[in-house]
Amino acid sequence: MNKYEPLWKYLQVDGSNTLTLDFEQIKNIIGFDIDHSFLNYKKEAGQFGYQVKKISLKEKLIIFSKLIQKP
């Protein structure tokens, strides 16, 4: 299990098409402050059906969107 897996599982359970989480919400989910290593791990969201759509350092939030499942 990598350090961001609780976040990916959270997204998967939520199931929303688009989900916006601020850094504090993410900290509550994963148990630590998000850091620059997130950029290396963000591609793993795809394994749980999501992609990172936008990272806003100014607003301190991340927007995730559900990947479209092909039939």
N, C-alpha and C. Protein backbone atom coordinates (compact mmCIF):
# COMPACT_ATOMS: atom_id res chain seq x y z
N MET A 1 0.85 -1.18 0.00
CA MET A 1 0.00 0.00 0.00
C MET A 1 0.90 1.25 0.00
N ASN A 2 0.65 2.15 -0.95
CA ASN A 2 1.43 3.39 -0.94
C ASN A 2 0.73 4.43 -0.07
N LYS A 3 1.42 5.52 0.17
CA LYS A 3 0.91 6.49 1.14
C LYS A 3 -0.37 7.21 0.70
N TYR A 4 -0.66 7.22 -0.59
CA TYR A 4 -1.88 7.89 -1.06
C TYR A 4 -3.04 6.93 -1.33
N GLU A 5 -2.85 5.66 -1.11
CA GLU A 5 -3.91 4.70 -1.39
C GLU A 5 -5.22 4.99 -0.63
N PRO A 6 -5.18 5.45 0.63
CA PRO A 6 -6.44 5.81 1.28
C PRO A 6 -7.23 6.87 0.52
N LEU A 7 -6.53 7.79 -0.13
CA LEU A 7 -7.20 8.82 -0.94
C LEU A 7 -7.84 8.20 -2.16
N TRP A 8 -7.12 7.32 -2.84
CA TRP A 8 -7.68 6.67 -4.03
C TRP A 8 -8.91 5.86 -3.66
N LYS A 9 -8.85 5.15 -2.55
CA LYS A 9 -10.00 4.35 -2.11
C LYS A 9 -11.17 5.25 -1.73
N TYR A 10 -10.89 6.39 -1.14
CA TYR A 10 -11.93 7.36 -0.80
C TYR A 10 -12.66 7.81 -2.07
N LEU A 11 -11.91 8.13 -3.10
CA LEU A 11 -12.51 8.55 -4.37
C LEU A 11 -13.39 7.44 -4.93
N GLN A 12 -12.88 6.24 -4.90
CA GLN A 12 -13.59 5.09 -5.45
C GLN A 12 -14.91 4.85 -4.72
N VAL A 13 -14.88 4.96 -3.41
CA VAL A 13 -16.10 4.75 -2.62
C VAL A 13 -17.08 5.89 -2.84
N ASP A 14 -16.58 7.12 -2.95
CA ASP A 14 -17.45 8.28 -3.18
C ASP A 14 -18.20 8.13 -4.49
N GLY A 15 -17.49 7.81 -5.56
CA GLY A 15 -18.11 7.54 -6.84
C GLY A 15 -18.60 8.73 -7.65
N SER A 16 -18.36 9.94 -7.16
CA SER A 16 -18.81 11.13 -7.89
C SER A 16 -18.07 11.26 -9.22
N ASN A 17 -18.74 11.87 -10.21
CA ASN A 17 -18.09 12.12 -11.50
C ASN A 17 -16.95 13.13 -11.36
N THR A 18 -17.18 14.15 -10.55
CA THR A 18 -16.17 15.16 -10.26
C THR A 18 -16.18 15.39 -8.76
N LEU A 19 -15.00 15.46 -8.19
CA LEU A 19 -14.89 15.66 -6.75
C LEU A 19 -13.77 16.66 -6.48
N THR A 20 -14.08 17.70 -5.71
CA THR A 20 -13.11 18.71 -5.33
C THR A 20 -12.81 18.56 -3.85
N LEU A 21 -11.54 18.38 -3.54
CA LEU A 21 -11.12 18.25 -2.14
C LEU A 21 -10.05 19.29 -1.86
N ASP A 22 -10.17 19.97 -0.71
CA ASP A 22 -9.10 20.90 -0.36
C ASP A 22 -8.01 20.13 0.39
N PHE A 23 -6.88 20.77 0.55
CA PHE A 23 -5.72 20.10 1.14
C PHE A 23 -6.02 19.60 2.56
N GLU A 24 -6.85 20.34 3.31
CA GLU A 24 -7.20 19.92 4.67
C GLU A 24 -8.04 18.64 4.65
N GLN A 25 -8.98 18.55 3.73
CA GLN A 25 -9.78 17.33 3.59
C GLN A 25 -8.90 16.14 3.24
N ILE A 26 -7.96 16.37 2.33
CA ILE A 26 -7.05 15.30 1.94
C ILE A 26 -6.19 14.88 3.12
N LYS A 27 -5.74 15.84 3.91
CA LYS A 27 -4.96 15.52 5.11
C LYS A 27 -5.77 14.64 6.06
N ASN A 28 -7.04 14.94 6.22
CA ASN A 28 -7.90 14.13 7.09
C ASN A 28 -8.07 12.70 6.56
N ILE A 29 -8.03 12.54 5.26
CA ILE A 29 -8.19 11.22 4.65
C ILE A 29 -6.90 10.40 4.75
N ILE A 30 -5.76 11.03 4.46
CA ILE A 30 -4.51 10.27 4.39
C ILE A 30 -3.67 10.34 5.67
N GLY A 31 -3.97 11.32 6.53
CA GLY A 31 -3.29 11.40 7.82
C GLY A 31 -2.02 12.23 7.84
N PHE A 32 -1.73 12.95 6.77
CA PHE A 32 -0.56 13.82 6.72
C PHE A 32 -0.79 14.91 5.67
N ASP A 33 0.03 15.96 5.75
CA ASP A 33 -0.07 17.04 4.76
C ASP A 33 0.37 16.55 3.39
N ILE A 34 -0.37 16.95 2.39
CA ILE A 34 0.00 16.61 1.01
C ILE A 34 1.30 17.36 0.69
N ASP A 35 2.19 16.72 -0.06
CA ASP A 35 3.45 17.35 -0.42
C ASP A 35 3.72 17.18 -1.91
N HIS A 36 4.87 17.68 -2.36
CA HIS A 36 5.18 17.65 -3.79
C HIS A 36 5.29 16.23 -4.34
N SER A 37 5.49 15.23 -3.49
CA SER A 37 5.56 13.85 -3.97
C SER A 37 4.23 13.40 -4.59
N PHE A 38 3.16 14.13 -4.26
CA PHE A 38 1.85 13.80 -4.83
C PHE A 38 1.92 13.79 -6.36
N LEU A 39 2.73 14.66 -6.92
CA LEU A 39 2.86 14.73 -8.38
C LEU A 39 3.35 13.41 -8.97
N ASN A 40 4.16 12.68 -8.22
CA ASN A 40 4.64 11.38 -8.68
C ASN A 40 3.60 10.28 -8.53
N TYR A 41 2.71 10.45 -7.56
CA TYR A 41 1.73 9.42 -7.25
C TYR A 41 0.37 9.62 -7.93
N LYS A 42 0.12 10.82 -8.43
CA LYS A 42 -1.23 11.13 -8.93
C LYS A 42 -1.69 10.20 -10.05
N LYS A 43 -0.77 9.66 -10.82
CA LYS A 43 -1.17 8.76 -11.91
C LYS A 43 -1.81 7.47 -11.38
N GLU A 44 -1.53 7.12 -10.13
CA GLU A 44 -2.11 5.91 -9.54
C GLU A 44 -3.62 6.02 -9.36
N ALA A 45 -4.15 7.22 -9.37
CA ALA A 45 -5.59 7.40 -9.23
C ALA A 45 -6.33 6.65 -10.34
N GLY A 46 -5.70 6.52 -11.49
CA GLY A 46 -6.32 5.83 -12.63
C GLY A 46 -6.65 4.37 -12.32
N GLN A 47 -5.87 3.75 -11.47
CA GLN A 47 -6.13 2.37 -11.09
C GLN A 47 -7.42 2.24 -10.28
N PHE A 48 -7.90 3.37 -9.75
CA PHE A 48 -9.11 3.40 -8.95
C PHE A 48 -10.24 4.13 -9.68
N GLY A 49 -10.04 4.39 -10.97
CA GLY A 49 -11.09 4.97 -11.80
C GLY A 49 -11.14 6.48 -11.86
N TYR A 50 -10.09 7.16 -11.41
CA TYR A 50 -10.08 8.62 -11.39
C TYR A 50 -8.81 9.18 -11.99
N GLN A 51 -8.88 10.47 -12.33
CA GLN A 51 -7.69 11.20 -12.74
C GLN A 51 -7.67 12.53 -12.00
N VAL A 52 -6.48 13.08 -11.85
CA VAL A 52 -6.33 14.41 -11.27
C VAL A 52 -6.55 15.40 -12.40
N LYS A 53 -7.61 16.16 -12.28
CA LYS A 53 -7.97 17.12 -13.32
C LYS A 53 -7.24 18.45 -13.14
N LYS A 54 -7.13 18.92 -11.87
CA LYS A 54 -6.50 20.21 -11.62
C LYS A 54 -5.95 20.23 -10.19
N ILE A 55 -4.77 20.80 -10.06
CA ILE A 55 -4.18 21.06 -8.75
C ILE A 55 -4.02 22.57 -8.64
N SER A 56 -4.64 23.16 -7.63
CA SER A 56 -4.52 24.61 -7.42
C SER A 56 -3.78 24.84 -6.10
N LEU A 57 -2.54 25.29 -6.22
CA LEU A 57 -1.77 25.62 -5.02
C LEU A 57 -2.29 26.89 -4.38
N LYS A 58 -2.77 27.82 -5.19
CA LYS A 58 -3.30 29.08 -4.67
C LYS A 58 -4.55 28.83 -3.82
N GLU A 59 -5.47 28.03 -4.34
CA GLU A 59 -6.72 27.74 -3.63
C GLU A 59 -6.59 26.54 -2.69
N LYS A 60 -5.46 25.84 -2.78
CA LYS A 60 -5.18 24.66 -1.96
C LYS A 60 -6.27 23.60 -2.12
N LEU A 61 -6.48 23.22 -3.39
CA LEU A 61 -7.46 22.18 -3.67
C LEU A 61 -7.05 21.36 -4.88
N ILE A 62 -7.65 20.20 -4.96
CA ILE A 62 -7.41 19.30 -6.08
C ILE A 62 -8.77 18.85 -6.60
N ILE A 63 -8.91 18.87 -7.92
CA ILE A 63 -10.14 18.42 -8.56
C ILE A 63 -9.85 17.08 -9.23
N PHE A 64 -10.67 16.10 -8.89
CA PHE A 64 -10.56 14.76 -9.46
C PHE A 64 -11.76 14.51 -10.36
N SER A 65 -11.56 13.79 -11.43
CA SER A 65 -12.69 13.42 -12.28
C SER A 65 -12.64 11.93 -12.57
N LYS A 66 -13.83 11.37 -12.66
CA LYS A 66 -13.97 9.94 -12.91
C LYS A 66 -13.60 9.63 -14.36
N LEU A 67 -12.86 8.57 -14.55
CA LEU A 67 -12.51 8.15 -15.90
C LEU A 67 -13.73 7.51 -16.55
N ILE A 68 -13.87 7.76 -17.84
CA ILE A 68 -14.99 7.18 -18.57
C ILE A 68 -14.68 5.71 -18.86
N GLN A 69 -15.60 4.87 -18.46
CA GLN A 69 -15.45 3.44 -18.68
C GLN A 69 -15.93 3.10 -20.09
N LYS A 70 -15.09 2.44 -20.86
CA LYS A 70 -15.50 2.01 -22.20
C LYS A 70 -16.19 0.67 -22.08
N PRO A 71 -17.31 0.51 -22.83
CA PRO A 71 -18.07 -0.75 -22.73
C PRO A 71 -17.31 -1.95 -23.24
